[in-house]
Amino acid sequence: MTDKEKDFSPEPGEVEPEFTGDDEAAGQTTGIRPDLEDEVARLRTRLAYLAAEFDNYRKRSAREKESVVAFGNERLLRAILPFLDNLERAISQAGAVGSAEPLIEGVRLTYDHFLAELGKFGLTQIAAEGEMFDPNLHEAIAMVPWEGKTEGTVLAENRKGYLLNGRLLRPVQVTVAQSSRPADSGAFEEGNGPDRNGRES
């Protein structure tokens, strides 16, 4: 038996290798030469330990996976907690002085700090206003006739959009400029322009 086999100690709930009383007599009943019986017994013991180790490894992996699912967001949530504290302070200070200005300023600072902290986790806010409509990043929810703007220019962001490590997490909901002249509106005519999800129809 190897040192690894001697030191084998399964954790609670894991399995011990099982041996039967017939192992020693196996060589006698199978016609194996007597000088090989010890080797066969050793291999059987080794095989039993390997089977037990594999089963325990499978159980440990399942427990670790459950732990990752349950606590995988712990680092992110710990980063969020200070912002909750700051918002609580801003709310309490606004009530104490009887003015909304400290609250507004506190919320604005917390918002900026929050975005910067989430950036460490790969979150990036998509800038859309003034850009040309991009169906890969934008979701058009309205098209408004607008003089002086190129057809398809994003006029306003109705809901912020975000990238996570360069991959789209949520598209920006936008209002898009539409030419007020019917002859110039071909790109956004019904059946030719992006739908509300930014897909070409």
N, C-alpha and C. Protein backbone atom coordinates (compact mmCIF):
# COMPACT_ATOMS: atom_id res chain seq x y z
N MET A 1 0.85 -1.19 0.00
CA MET A 1 0.00 0.00 0.00
C MET A 1 0.89 1.24 0.00
N THR A 2 0.56 2.22 -0.84
CA THR A 2 1.38 3.43 -0.94
C THR A 2 1.07 4.36 0.21
N ASP A 3 1.98 5.38 0.40
CA ASP A 3 1.75 6.38 1.45
C ASP A 3 0.45 7.11 1.21
N LYS A 4 0.13 7.40 -0.07
CA LYS A 4 -1.11 8.13 -0.39
C LYS A 4 -2.32 7.33 0.07
N GLU A 5 -2.25 5.98 -0.13
CA GLU A 5 -3.36 5.15 0.28
C GLU A 5 -3.47 5.11 1.80
N LYS A 6 -2.33 5.09 2.49
CA LYS A 6 -2.35 5.06 3.96
C LYS A 6 -2.92 6.34 4.53
N ASP A 7 -2.64 7.48 3.85
CA ASP A 7 -3.08 8.78 4.36
C ASP A 7 -4.49 9.14 3.92
N PHE A 8 -5.11 8.28 3.12
CA PHE A 8 -6.45 8.59 2.59
C PHE A 8 -7.44 8.72 3.73
N SER A 9 -8.07 9.89 3.85
CA SER A 9 -9.06 10.12 4.90
C SER A 9 -10.20 10.96 4.33
N PRO A 10 -11.28 10.34 3.93
CA PRO A 10 -12.38 11.08 3.32
C PRO A 10 -13.01 12.05 4.29
N GLU A 11 -13.54 13.15 3.75
CA GLU A 11 -14.25 14.14 4.55
C GLU A 11 -15.60 13.58 4.96
N PRO A 12 -16.26 14.22 5.96
CA PRO A 12 -17.59 13.75 6.37
C PRO A 12 -18.54 13.68 5.17
N GLY A 13 -19.26 12.59 5.07
CA GLY A 13 -20.19 12.42 3.98
C GLY A 13 -19.60 11.76 2.76
N GLU A 14 -18.26 11.60 2.74
CA GLU A 14 -17.61 10.95 1.62
C GLU A 14 -17.45 9.46 1.90
N VAL A 15 -17.06 8.73 0.90
CA VAL A 15 -17.09 7.27 1.01
C VAL A 15 -15.73 6.70 1.37
N GLU A 16 -15.75 5.62 2.12
CA GLU A 16 -14.56 4.83 2.40
C GLU A 16 -14.48 3.72 1.34
N PRO A 17 -13.29 3.33 0.92
CA PRO A 17 -13.20 2.19 0.00
C PRO A 17 -13.70 0.92 0.67
N GLU A 18 -14.43 0.12 -0.06
CA GLU A 18 -15.00 -1.10 0.49
C GLU A 18 -14.23 -2.31 -0.01
N PHE A 19 -14.02 -3.27 0.88
CA PHE A 19 -13.35 -4.51 0.54
C PHE A 19 -14.22 -5.67 1.00
N THR A 20 -14.16 -6.75 0.28
CA THR A 20 -14.93 -7.94 0.65
C THR A 20 -14.00 -8.99 1.22
N GLY A 21 -14.54 -9.89 1.97
CA GLY A 21 -13.74 -10.93 2.59
C GLY A 21 -13.21 -11.94 1.59
N ASP A 22 -13.71 -11.87 0.35
CA ASP A 22 -13.29 -12.82 -0.66
C ASP A 22 -12.04 -12.39 -1.41
N ASP A 23 -11.56 -11.15 -1.16
CA ASP A 23 -10.44 -10.64 -1.92
C ASP A 23 -9.20 -11.52 -1.78
N GLU A 24 -8.93 -11.97 -0.55
CA GLU A 24 -7.71 -12.74 -0.33
C GLU A 24 -7.79 -14.09 -1.01
N ALA A 25 -9.01 -14.60 -1.10
CA ALA A 25 -9.16 -15.93 -1.69
C ALA A 25 -9.37 -15.88 -3.19
N ALA A 26 -9.41 -14.66 -3.76
CA ALA A 26 -9.72 -14.54 -5.17
C ALA A 26 -8.72 -15.29 -6.03
N GLY A 27 -7.45 -15.23 -5.66
CA GLY A 27 -6.42 -15.90 -6.45
C GLY A 27 -6.59 -17.40 -6.47
N GLN A 28 -7.08 -17.96 -5.39
CA GLN A 28 -7.24 -19.40 -5.32
C GLN A 28 -8.39 -19.90 -6.18
N THR A 29 -9.43 -19.07 -6.35
CA THR A 29 -10.61 -19.51 -7.08
C THR A 29 -10.54 -19.17 -8.56
N THR A 30 -9.59 -18.35 -8.97
CA THR A 30 -9.50 -17.97 -10.37
C THR A 30 -8.32 -18.61 -11.07
N GLY A 31 -7.58 -19.43 -10.39
CA GLY A 31 -6.48 -20.13 -11.01
C GLY A 31 -5.23 -19.30 -11.19
N ILE A 32 -5.12 -18.16 -10.49
CA ILE A 32 -3.94 -17.31 -10.59
C ILE A 32 -2.79 -17.96 -9.83
N ARG A 33 -1.59 -17.88 -10.40
CA ARG A 33 -0.42 -18.45 -9.74
C ARG A 33 -0.21 -17.84 -8.37
N PRO A 34 0.18 -18.64 -7.39
CA PRO A 34 0.36 -18.14 -6.02
C PRO A 34 1.29 -16.94 -5.92
N ASP A 35 2.34 -16.89 -6.75
CA ASP A 35 3.29 -15.78 -6.64
C ASP A 35 2.71 -14.46 -7.16
N LEU A 36 1.55 -14.55 -7.84
CA LEU A 36 0.91 -13.33 -8.34
C LEU A 36 -0.27 -12.87 -7.47
N GLU A 37 -0.60 -13.68 -6.48
CA GLU A 37 -1.77 -13.35 -5.66
C GLU A 37 -1.59 -12.04 -4.91
N ASP A 38 -0.38 -11.81 -4.38
CA ASP A 38 -0.13 -10.56 -3.64
C ASP A 38 -0.27 -9.35 -4.57
N GLU A 39 0.23 -9.50 -5.80
CA GLU A 39 0.13 -8.39 -6.76
C GLU A 39 -1.31 -8.10 -7.11
N VAL A 40 -2.10 -9.15 -7.30
CA VAL A 40 -3.53 -8.97 -7.62
C VAL A 40 -4.24 -8.29 -6.45
N ALA A 41 -3.94 -8.72 -5.24
CA ALA A 41 -4.57 -8.12 -4.06
C ALA A 41 -4.20 -6.64 -3.95
N ARG A 42 -2.92 -6.34 -4.24
CA ARG A 42 -2.48 -4.94 -4.16
C ARG A 42 -3.21 -4.09 -5.21
N LEU A 43 -3.37 -4.63 -6.40
CA LEU A 43 -4.07 -3.88 -7.46
C LEU A 43 -5.54 -3.70 -7.13
N ARG A 44 -6.14 -4.71 -6.53
CA ARG A 44 -7.54 -4.57 -6.13
C ARG A 44 -7.69 -3.46 -5.08
N THR A 45 -6.75 -3.44 -4.13
CA THR A 45 -6.79 -2.40 -3.10
C THR A 45 -6.61 -1.02 -3.71
N ARG A 46 -5.67 -0.93 -4.62
CA ARG A 46 -5.41 0.35 -5.31
C ARG A 46 -6.64 0.81 -6.08
N LEU A 47 -7.29 -0.12 -6.77
CA LEU A 47 -8.47 0.20 -7.55
C LEU A 47 -9.61 0.69 -6.64
N ALA A 48 -9.75 0.06 -5.49
CA ALA A 48 -10.81 0.48 -4.56
C ALA A 48 -10.57 1.90 -4.07
N TYR A 49 -9.29 2.22 -3.76
CA TYR A 49 -8.97 3.58 -3.31
C TYR A 49 -9.21 4.60 -4.43
N LEU A 50 -8.84 4.26 -5.65
CA LEU A 50 -9.05 5.18 -6.77
C LEU A 50 -10.53 5.45 -6.99
N ALA A 51 -11.35 4.40 -6.89
CA ALA A 51 -12.80 4.56 -7.07
C ALA A 51 -13.37 5.46 -5.98
N ALA A 52 -12.90 5.25 -4.74
CA ALA A 52 -13.38 6.08 -3.63
C ALA A 52 -12.93 7.53 -3.80
N GLU A 53 -11.68 7.73 -4.22
CA GLU A 53 -11.17 9.09 -4.42
C GLU A 53 -11.94 9.81 -5.52
N PHE A 54 -12.25 9.10 -6.59
CA PHE A 54 -13.00 9.72 -7.68
C PHE A 54 -14.40 10.12 -7.22
N ASP A 55 -15.05 9.26 -6.46
CA ASP A 55 -16.39 9.58 -5.97
C ASP A 55 -16.36 10.78 -5.03
N ASN A 56 -15.34 10.85 -4.19
CA ASN A 56 -15.20 11.99 -3.28
C ASN A 56 -14.89 13.27 -4.04
N TYR A 57 -14.07 13.16 -5.10
CA TYR A 57 -13.77 14.32 -5.93
C TYR A 57 -15.05 14.85 -6.58
N ARG A 58 -15.88 13.95 -7.06
CA ARG A 58 -17.15 14.35 -7.69
C ARG A 58 -18.03 15.09 -6.69
N LYS A 59 -18.08 14.59 -5.45
CA LYS A 59 -18.91 15.24 -4.43
C LYS A 59 -18.35 16.61 -4.06
N ARG A 60 -17.00 16.71 -3.95
CA ARG A 60 -16.40 18.01 -3.64
C ARG A 60 -16.68 19.01 -4.75
N SER A 61 -16.57 18.58 -6.01
CA SER A 61 -16.82 19.47 -7.14
C SER A 61 -18.25 19.98 -7.12
N ALA A 62 -19.20 19.11 -6.77
CA ALA A 62 -20.60 19.52 -6.70
C ALA A 62 -20.80 20.56 -5.61
N ARG A 63 -20.13 20.35 -4.45
CA ARG A 63 -20.24 21.33 -3.36
C ARG A 63 -19.63 22.67 -3.74
N GLU A 64 -18.46 22.62 -4.41
CA GLU A 64 -17.81 23.86 -4.84
C GLU A 64 -18.66 24.61 -5.85
N LYS A 65 -19.32 23.89 -6.75
CA LYS A 65 -20.18 24.53 -7.74
C LYS A 65 -21.35 25.22 -7.05
N GLU A 66 -21.94 24.56 -6.07
CA GLU A 66 -23.04 25.17 -5.33
C GLU A 66 -22.57 26.43 -4.61
N SER A 67 -21.35 26.39 -4.07
CA SER A 67 -20.81 27.55 -3.37
C SER A 67 -20.58 28.71 -4.33
N VAL A 68 -20.09 28.42 -5.54
CA VAL A 68 -19.87 29.47 -6.53
C VAL A 68 -21.19 30.13 -6.91
N VAL A 69 -22.23 29.32 -7.10
CA VAL A 69 -23.53 29.86 -7.46
C VAL A 69 -24.08 30.74 -6.33
N ALA A 70 -23.92 30.28 -5.09
CA ALA A 70 -24.48 31.00 -3.95
C ALA A 70 -23.70 32.27 -3.61
N PHE A 71 -22.37 32.24 -3.78
CA PHE A 71 -21.54 33.35 -3.32
C PHE A 71 -20.69 33.97 -4.42
N GLY A 72 -20.99 33.66 -5.68
CA GLY A 72 -20.19 34.17 -6.79
C GLY A 72 -20.23 35.68 -6.91
N ASN A 73 -21.30 36.31 -6.44
CA ASN A 73 -21.44 37.77 -6.55
C ASN A 73 -20.99 38.49 -5.28
N GLU A 74 -20.35 37.78 -4.37
CA GLU A 74 -19.98 38.39 -3.09
C GLU A 74 -19.07 39.60 -3.29
N ARG A 75 -18.07 39.48 -4.18
CA ARG A 75 -17.13 40.60 -4.40
C ARG A 75 -17.87 41.82 -4.93
N LEU A 76 -18.79 41.60 -5.87
CA LEU A 76 -19.55 42.71 -6.43
C LEU A 76 -20.44 43.35 -5.37
N LEU A 77 -21.12 42.53 -4.58
CA LEU A 77 -22.02 43.08 -3.56
C LEU A 77 -21.26 43.84 -2.48
N ARG A 78 -20.07 43.36 -2.14
CA ARG A 78 -19.26 44.10 -1.16
C ARG A 78 -18.88 45.47 -1.71
N ALA A 79 -18.66 45.54 -3.03
CA ALA A 79 -18.32 46.84 -3.64
C ALA A 79 -19.52 47.77 -3.64
N ILE A 80 -20.73 47.22 -3.66
CA ILE A 80 -21.94 48.04 -3.71
C ILE A 80 -22.30 48.63 -2.35
N LEU A 81 -21.99 47.92 -1.28
CA LEU A 81 -22.43 48.33 0.05
C LEU A 81 -22.05 49.77 0.42
N PRO A 82 -20.83 50.25 0.12
CA PRO A 82 -20.51 51.64 0.47
C PRO A 82 -21.43 52.66 -0.20
N PHE A 83 -21.93 52.33 -1.38
CA PHE A 83 -22.82 53.26 -2.07
C PHE A 83 -24.18 53.32 -1.38
N LEU A 84 -24.63 52.21 -0.86
CA LEU A 84 -25.86 52.23 -0.07
C LEU A 84 -25.68 53.09 1.17
N ASP A 85 -24.50 52.98 1.79
CA ASP A 85 -24.21 53.81 2.97
C ASP A 85 -24.25 55.30 2.60
N ASN A 86 -23.64 55.65 1.46
CA ASN A 86 -23.61 57.05 1.05
C ASN A 86 -25.00 57.58 0.75
N LEU A 87 -25.83 56.77 0.13
CA LEU A 87 -27.20 57.20 -0.16
C LEU A 87 -27.99 57.42 1.12
N GLU A 88 -27.79 56.55 2.10
CA GLU A 88 -28.47 56.71 3.38
C GLU A 88 -28.04 58.00 4.06
N ARG A 89 -26.74 58.31 4.01
CA ARG A 89 -26.26 59.55 4.61
C ARG A 89 -26.85 60.76 3.91
N ALA A 90 -26.90 60.72 2.57
CA ALA A 90 -27.45 61.85 1.82
C ALA A 90 -28.92 62.06 2.15
N ILE A 91 -29.67 60.98 2.29
CA ILE A 91 -31.09 61.09 2.62
C ILE A 91 -31.27 61.68 4.01
N SER A 92 -30.47 61.22 4.97
CA SER A 92 -30.60 61.72 6.34
C SER A 92 -30.18 63.19 6.43
N GLN A 93 -29.15 63.59 5.70
CA GLN A 93 -28.70 64.98 5.72
C GLN A 93 -29.73 65.90 5.07
N ALA A 94 -30.36 65.42 3.99
CA ALA A 94 -31.38 66.24 3.34
C ALA A 94 -32.55 66.49 4.27
N GLY A 95 -32.92 65.49 5.05
CA GLY A 95 -34.01 65.67 6.00
C GLY A 95 -33.64 66.62 7.13
N ALA A 96 -32.36 66.61 7.51
CA ALA A 96 -31.92 67.44 8.63
C ALA A 96 -31.90 68.92 8.26
N VAL A 97 -31.48 69.24 7.04
CA VAL A 97 -31.37 70.65 6.66
C VAL A 97 -32.63 71.16 5.97
N GLY A 98 -33.55 70.26 5.67
CA GLY A 98 -34.81 70.67 5.06
C GLY A 98 -34.68 71.12 3.62
N SER A 99 -33.64 70.68 2.93
CA SER A 99 -33.43 71.07 1.54
C SER A 99 -33.08 69.84 0.72
N ALA A 100 -33.50 69.86 -0.54
CA ALA A 100 -33.23 68.73 -1.43
C ALA A 100 -31.85 68.81 -2.07
N GLU A 101 -31.20 69.97 -2.01
CA GLU A 101 -29.91 70.14 -2.69
C GLU A 101 -28.85 69.16 -2.19
N PRO A 102 -28.67 69.00 -0.88
CA PRO A 102 -27.66 68.03 -0.42
C PRO A 102 -27.97 66.62 -0.89
N LEU A 103 -29.26 66.28 -0.94
CA LEU A 103 -29.64 64.95 -1.40
C LEU A 103 -29.29 64.76 -2.87
N ILE A 104 -29.62 65.77 -3.68
CA ILE A 104 -29.33 65.68 -5.12
C ILE A 104 -27.84 65.57 -5.36
N GLU A 105 -27.07 66.39 -4.67
CA GLU A 105 -25.62 66.36 -4.85
C GLU A 105 -25.03 65.04 -4.37
N GLY A 106 -25.53 64.55 -3.24
CA GLY A 106 -25.04 63.29 -2.71
C GLY A 106 -25.36 62.13 -3.64
N VAL A 107 -26.56 62.14 -4.21
CA VAL A 107 -26.93 61.08 -5.14
C VAL A 107 -26.08 61.16 -6.40
N ARG A 108 -25.82 62.38 -6.88
CA ARG A 108 -25.01 62.55 -8.09
C ARG A 108 -23.59 62.02 -7.87
N LEU A 109 -23.00 62.37 -6.74
CA LEU A 109 -21.64 61.89 -6.45
C LEU A 109 -21.61 60.38 -6.29
N THR A 110 -22.63 59.84 -5.62
CA THR A 110 -22.69 58.39 -5.44
C THR A 110 -22.86 57.68 -6.77
N TYR A 111 -23.67 58.24 -7.65
CA TYR A 111 -23.89 57.66 -8.97
C TYR A 111 -22.58 57.59 -9.77
N ASP A 112 -21.83 58.69 -9.76
CA ASP A 112 -20.56 58.72 -10.48
C ASP A 112 -19.56 57.73 -9.90
N HIS A 113 -19.51 57.69 -8.57
CA HIS A 113 -18.59 56.77 -7.90
C HIS A 113 -19.00 55.32 -8.17
N PHE A 114 -20.30 55.08 -8.19
CA PHE A 114 -20.83 53.75 -8.44
C PHE A 114 -20.43 53.25 -9.83
N LEU A 115 -20.59 54.10 -10.83
CA LEU A 115 -20.21 53.73 -12.20
C LEU A 115 -18.71 53.42 -12.28
N ALA A 116 -17.91 54.25 -11.62
CA ALA A 116 -16.46 54.03 -11.64
C ALA A 116 -16.10 52.70 -11.00
N GLU A 117 -16.76 52.36 -9.91
CA GLU A 117 -16.47 51.09 -9.23
C GLU A 117 -16.92 49.90 -10.06
N LEU A 118 -18.09 50.00 -10.69
CA LEU A 118 -18.57 48.91 -11.53
C LEU A 118 -17.69 48.72 -12.76
N GLY A 119 -17.00 49.80 -13.16
CA GLY A 119 -16.06 49.69 -14.27
C GLY A 119 -14.94 48.71 -13.98
N LYS A 120 -14.62 48.53 -12.70
CA LYS A 120 -13.58 47.57 -12.32
C LYS A 120 -14.02 46.14 -12.59
N PHE A 121 -15.33 45.94 -12.70
CA PHE A 121 -15.88 44.62 -12.98
C PHE A 121 -16.17 44.44 -14.47
N GLY A 122 -15.75 45.41 -15.29
CA GLY A 122 -15.92 45.29 -16.73
C GLY A 122 -17.16 45.96 -17.28
N LEU A 123 -17.90 46.70 -16.46
CA LEU A 123 -19.13 47.36 -16.93
C LEU A 123 -18.79 48.71 -17.54
N THR A 124 -19.29 48.93 -18.75
CA THR A 124 -19.07 50.19 -19.47
C THR A 124 -20.40 50.74 -19.95
N GLN A 125 -20.62 52.02 -19.71
CA GLN A 125 -21.85 52.66 -20.17
C GLN A 125 -21.69 53.06 -21.64
N ILE A 126 -22.74 52.82 -22.43
CA ILE A 126 -22.70 53.14 -23.85
C ILE A 126 -23.18 54.57 -24.07
N ALA A 127 -22.36 55.38 -24.73
CA ALA A 127 -22.74 56.75 -25.09
C ALA A 127 -23.44 56.71 -26.44
N ALA A 128 -24.67 57.22 -26.49
CA ALA A 128 -25.44 57.12 -27.73
C ALA A 128 -25.91 58.46 -28.26
N GLU A 129 -26.19 59.41 -27.40
CA GLU A 129 -26.76 60.69 -27.85
C GLU A 129 -25.81 61.39 -28.82
N GLY A 130 -26.36 61.78 -29.98
CA GLY A 130 -25.57 62.45 -31.00
C GLY A 130 -24.90 61.49 -31.97
N GLU A 131 -24.91 60.20 -31.66
CA GLU A 131 -24.31 59.20 -32.54
C GLU A 131 -25.34 58.72 -33.56
N MET A 132 -24.87 58.06 -34.61
CA MET A 132 -25.77 57.45 -35.56
C MET A 132 -26.33 56.16 -34.99
N PHE A 133 -27.57 55.87 -35.29
CA PHE A 133 -28.23 54.68 -34.78
C PHE A 133 -27.45 53.42 -35.18
N ASP A 134 -27.18 52.58 -34.19
CA ASP A 134 -26.45 51.33 -34.41
C ASP A 134 -27.32 50.20 -33.86
N PRO A 135 -27.89 49.36 -34.72
CA PRO A 135 -28.77 48.29 -34.24
C PRO A 135 -28.05 47.28 -33.35
N ASN A 136 -26.72 47.27 -33.35
CA ASN A 136 -25.98 46.36 -32.50
C ASN A 136 -25.91 46.85 -31.06
N LEU A 137 -26.14 48.15 -30.86
CA LEU A 137 -26.03 48.73 -29.52
C LEU A 137 -27.28 49.46 -29.06
N HIS A 138 -28.12 49.87 -30.02
CA HIS A 138 -29.26 50.72 -29.70
C HIS A 138 -30.59 50.01 -29.95
N GLU A 139 -31.58 50.40 -29.18
CA GLU A 139 -32.95 49.93 -29.36
C GLU A 139 -33.82 51.17 -29.59
N ALA A 140 -34.30 51.34 -30.82
CA ALA A 140 -35.10 52.52 -31.15
C ALA A 140 -36.52 52.34 -30.65
N ILE A 141 -36.96 53.25 -29.78
CA ILE A 141 -38.32 53.17 -29.27
C ILE A 141 -39.19 54.29 -29.82
N ALA A 142 -38.57 55.27 -30.52
CA ALA A 142 -39.34 56.36 -31.14
C ALA A 142 -38.50 57.01 -32.23
N MET A 143 -39.18 57.47 -33.28
CA MET A 143 -38.54 58.23 -34.35
C MET A 143 -39.29 59.55 -34.49
N VAL A 144 -38.56 60.64 -34.41
CA VAL A 144 -39.16 61.97 -34.36
C VAL A 144 -38.65 62.82 -35.52
N PRO A 145 -39.55 63.43 -36.32
CA PRO A 145 -39.09 64.36 -37.36
C PRO A 145 -38.28 65.49 -36.73
N TRP A 146 -37.12 65.78 -37.30
CA TRP A 146 -36.23 66.77 -36.67
C TRP A 146 -35.42 67.47 -37.75
N GLU A 147 -35.68 68.76 -37.90
CA GLU A 147 -34.94 69.57 -38.86
C GLU A 147 -33.51 69.77 -38.39
N GLY A 148 -32.59 69.73 -39.33
CA GLY A 148 -31.19 70.00 -39.00
C GLY A 148 -30.43 68.81 -38.46
N LYS A 149 -31.06 67.65 -38.37
CA LYS A 149 -30.39 66.44 -37.90
C LYS A 149 -30.39 65.41 -39.01
N THR A 150 -29.28 64.74 -39.17
CA THR A 150 -29.19 63.67 -40.16
C THR A 150 -30.11 62.52 -39.78
N GLU A 151 -30.73 61.96 -40.80
CA GLU A 151 -31.61 60.81 -40.58
C GLU A 151 -30.86 59.71 -39.82
N GLY A 152 -31.46 59.24 -38.72
CA GLY A 152 -30.84 58.17 -37.94
C GLY A 152 -29.99 58.64 -36.79
N THR A 153 -29.88 59.96 -36.59
CA THR A 153 -29.11 60.47 -35.46
C THR A 153 -29.88 60.22 -34.17
N VAL A 154 -29.19 59.76 -33.14
CA VAL A 154 -29.83 59.54 -31.84
C VAL A 154 -30.04 60.89 -31.16
N LEU A 155 -31.31 61.20 -30.88
CA LEU A 155 -31.65 62.49 -30.26
C LEU A 155 -31.58 62.43 -28.74
N ALA A 156 -31.97 61.30 -28.17
CA ALA A 156 -32.01 61.19 -26.71
C ALA A 156 -31.88 59.74 -26.29
N GLU A 157 -31.32 59.56 -25.11
CA GLU A 157 -31.24 58.23 -24.50
C GLU A 157 -32.38 58.10 -23.51
N ASN A 158 -33.28 57.16 -23.76
CA ASN A 158 -34.42 56.96 -22.87
C ASN A 158 -34.10 56.00 -21.73
N ARG A 159 -33.14 55.15 -21.96
CA ARG A 159 -32.63 54.25 -20.92
C ARG A 159 -31.20 53.90 -21.26
N LYS A 160 -30.33 53.97 -20.26
CA LYS A 160 -28.92 53.72 -20.48
C LYS A 160 -28.68 52.26 -20.90
N GLY A 161 -27.64 52.10 -21.71
CA GLY A 161 -27.22 50.75 -22.12
C GLY A 161 -25.81 50.48 -21.63
N TYR A 162 -25.45 49.20 -21.53
CA TYR A 162 -24.16 48.85 -20.94
C TYR A 162 -23.50 47.69 -21.69
N LEU A 163 -22.16 47.71 -21.68
CA LEU A 163 -21.35 46.61 -22.16
C LEU A 163 -20.69 45.94 -20.95
N LEU A 164 -20.52 44.63 -21.02
CA LEU A 164 -19.80 43.91 -19.98
C LEU A 164 -18.59 43.26 -20.64
N ASN A 165 -17.41 43.82 -20.35
CA ASN A 165 -16.16 43.36 -20.96
C ASN A 165 -16.27 43.31 -22.48
N GLY A 166 -16.88 44.37 -23.05
CA GLY A 166 -16.98 44.51 -24.49
C GLY A 166 -18.17 43.81 -25.11
N ARG A 167 -18.92 43.03 -24.37
CA ARG A 167 -20.09 42.34 -24.89
C ARG A 167 -21.36 43.05 -24.43
N LEU A 168 -22.33 43.15 -25.32
CA LEU A 168 -23.56 43.88 -25.00
C LEU A 168 -24.29 43.22 -23.84
N LEU A 169 -24.50 43.99 -22.78
CA LEU A 169 -25.27 43.53 -21.63
C LEU A 169 -26.72 44.00 -21.75
N ARG A 170 -26.91 45.26 -22.15
CA ARG A 170 -28.25 45.81 -22.36
C ARG A 170 -28.16 46.95 -23.36
N PRO A 171 -29.00 46.95 -24.40
CA PRO A 171 -28.92 48.02 -25.39
C PRO A 171 -29.46 49.34 -24.83
N VAL A 172 -29.02 50.44 -25.45
CA VAL A 172 -29.55 51.75 -25.08
C VAL A 172 -30.90 51.92 -25.76
N GLN A 173 -31.90 52.34 -25.01
CA GLN A 173 -33.18 52.70 -25.62
C GLN A 173 -33.09 54.16 -26.05
N VAL A 174 -33.35 54.41 -27.34
CA VAL A 174 -33.10 55.74 -27.87
C VAL A 174 -34.28 56.26 -28.69
N THR A 175 -34.30 57.59 -28.81
CA THR A 175 -35.18 58.28 -29.75
C THR A 175 -34.32 58.71 -30.92
N VAL A 176 -34.79 58.42 -32.14
CA VAL A 176 -33.99 58.64 -33.34
C VAL A 176 -34.61 59.72 -34.22
N ALA A 177 -33.73 60.54 -34.81
CA ALA A 177 -34.19 61.61 -35.71
C ALA A 177 -34.70 61.01 -37.02
N GLN A 178 -35.81 61.57 -37.47
CA GLN A 178 -36.39 61.18 -38.76
C GLN A 178 -36.56 62.44 -39.58
N SER A 179 -36.21 62.38 -40.84
CA SER A 179 -36.35 63.56 -41.69
C SER A 179 -37.81 63.98 -41.77
N SER A 180 -38.05 65.27 -41.70
CA SER A 180 -39.42 65.78 -41.81
C SER A 180 -39.89 65.82 -43.24
N ARG A 181 -38.96 65.58 -44.18
CA ARG A 181 -39.31 65.57 -45.61
C ARG A 181 -39.53 64.13 -46.05
N PRO A 182 -40.71 63.79 -46.53
CA PRO A 182 -41.02 62.41 -46.91
C PRO A 182 -40.01 61.81 -47.88
N ALA A 183 -39.46 62.64 -48.79
CA ALA A 183 -38.53 62.10 -49.80
C ALA A 183 -37.23 61.63 -49.19
N ASP A 184 -36.89 62.14 -47.97
CA ASP A 184 -35.60 61.81 -47.36
C ASP A 184 -35.72 60.74 -46.29
N SER A 185 -36.90 60.18 -46.11
CA SER A 185 -37.11 59.30 -44.97
C SER A 185 -37.08 57.82 -45.35
N GLY A 186 -36.50 57.52 -46.53
CA GLY A 186 -36.50 56.14 -46.99
C GLY A 186 -35.85 55.17 -46.04
N ALA A 187 -34.77 55.59 -45.37
CA ALA A 187 -34.03 54.67 -44.49
C ALA A 187 -34.85 54.24 -43.30
N PHE A 188 -35.85 55.04 -42.92
CA PHE A 188 -36.63 54.71 -41.73
C PHE A 188 -38.11 54.56 -42.05
N GLU A 189 -38.45 54.37 -43.34
CA GLU A 189 -39.83 54.11 -43.68
C GLU A 189 -40.23 52.76 -43.14
N GLU A 190 -41.53 52.59 -42.94
CA GLU A 190 -42.04 51.33 -42.43
C GLU A 190 -41.61 50.20 -43.36
N GLY A 191 -41.04 49.16 -42.76
CA GLY A 191 -40.59 48.02 -43.54
C GLY A 191 -39.13 48.11 -43.95
N ASN A 192 -38.49 49.30 -43.77
CA ASN A 192 -37.09 49.44 -44.18
C ASN A 192 -36.15 49.78 -43.03
N GLY A 193 -36.67 50.32 -41.97
CA GLY A 193 -35.83 50.79 -40.87
C GLY A 193 -35.79 49.80 -39.73
N PRO A 194 -35.07 50.16 -38.68
CA PRO A 194 -34.98 49.28 -37.51
C PRO A 194 -36.28 49.27 -36.75
N ASP A 195 -36.64 48.11 -36.19
CA ASP A 195 -37.83 48.06 -35.35
C ASP A 195 -37.44 48.53 -33.96
N ARG A 196 -38.31 48.37 -32.99
CA ARG A 196 -38.06 48.90 -31.63
C ARG A 196 -36.91 48.15 -30.95
N ASN A 197 -36.53 47.00 -31.51
CA ASN A 197 -35.40 46.27 -30.96
C ASN A 197 -34.13 46.52 -31.74
N GLY A 198 -34.19 47.46 -32.71
CA GLY A 198 -32.98 47.80 -33.45
C GLY A 198 -32.67 46.85 -34.56
N ARG A 199 -33.64 45.99 -34.98
CA ARG A 199 -33.39 45.04 -36.05
C ARG A 199 -33.96 45.57 -37.35
N GLU A 200 -33.25 45.34 -38.44
CA GLU A 200 -33.75 45.74 -39.73
C GLU A 200 -34.90 44.85 -40.15
N SER A 201 -35.99 45.46 -40.62
CA SER A 201 -37.16 44.68 -41.04
C SER A 201 -37.15 44.49 -42.54
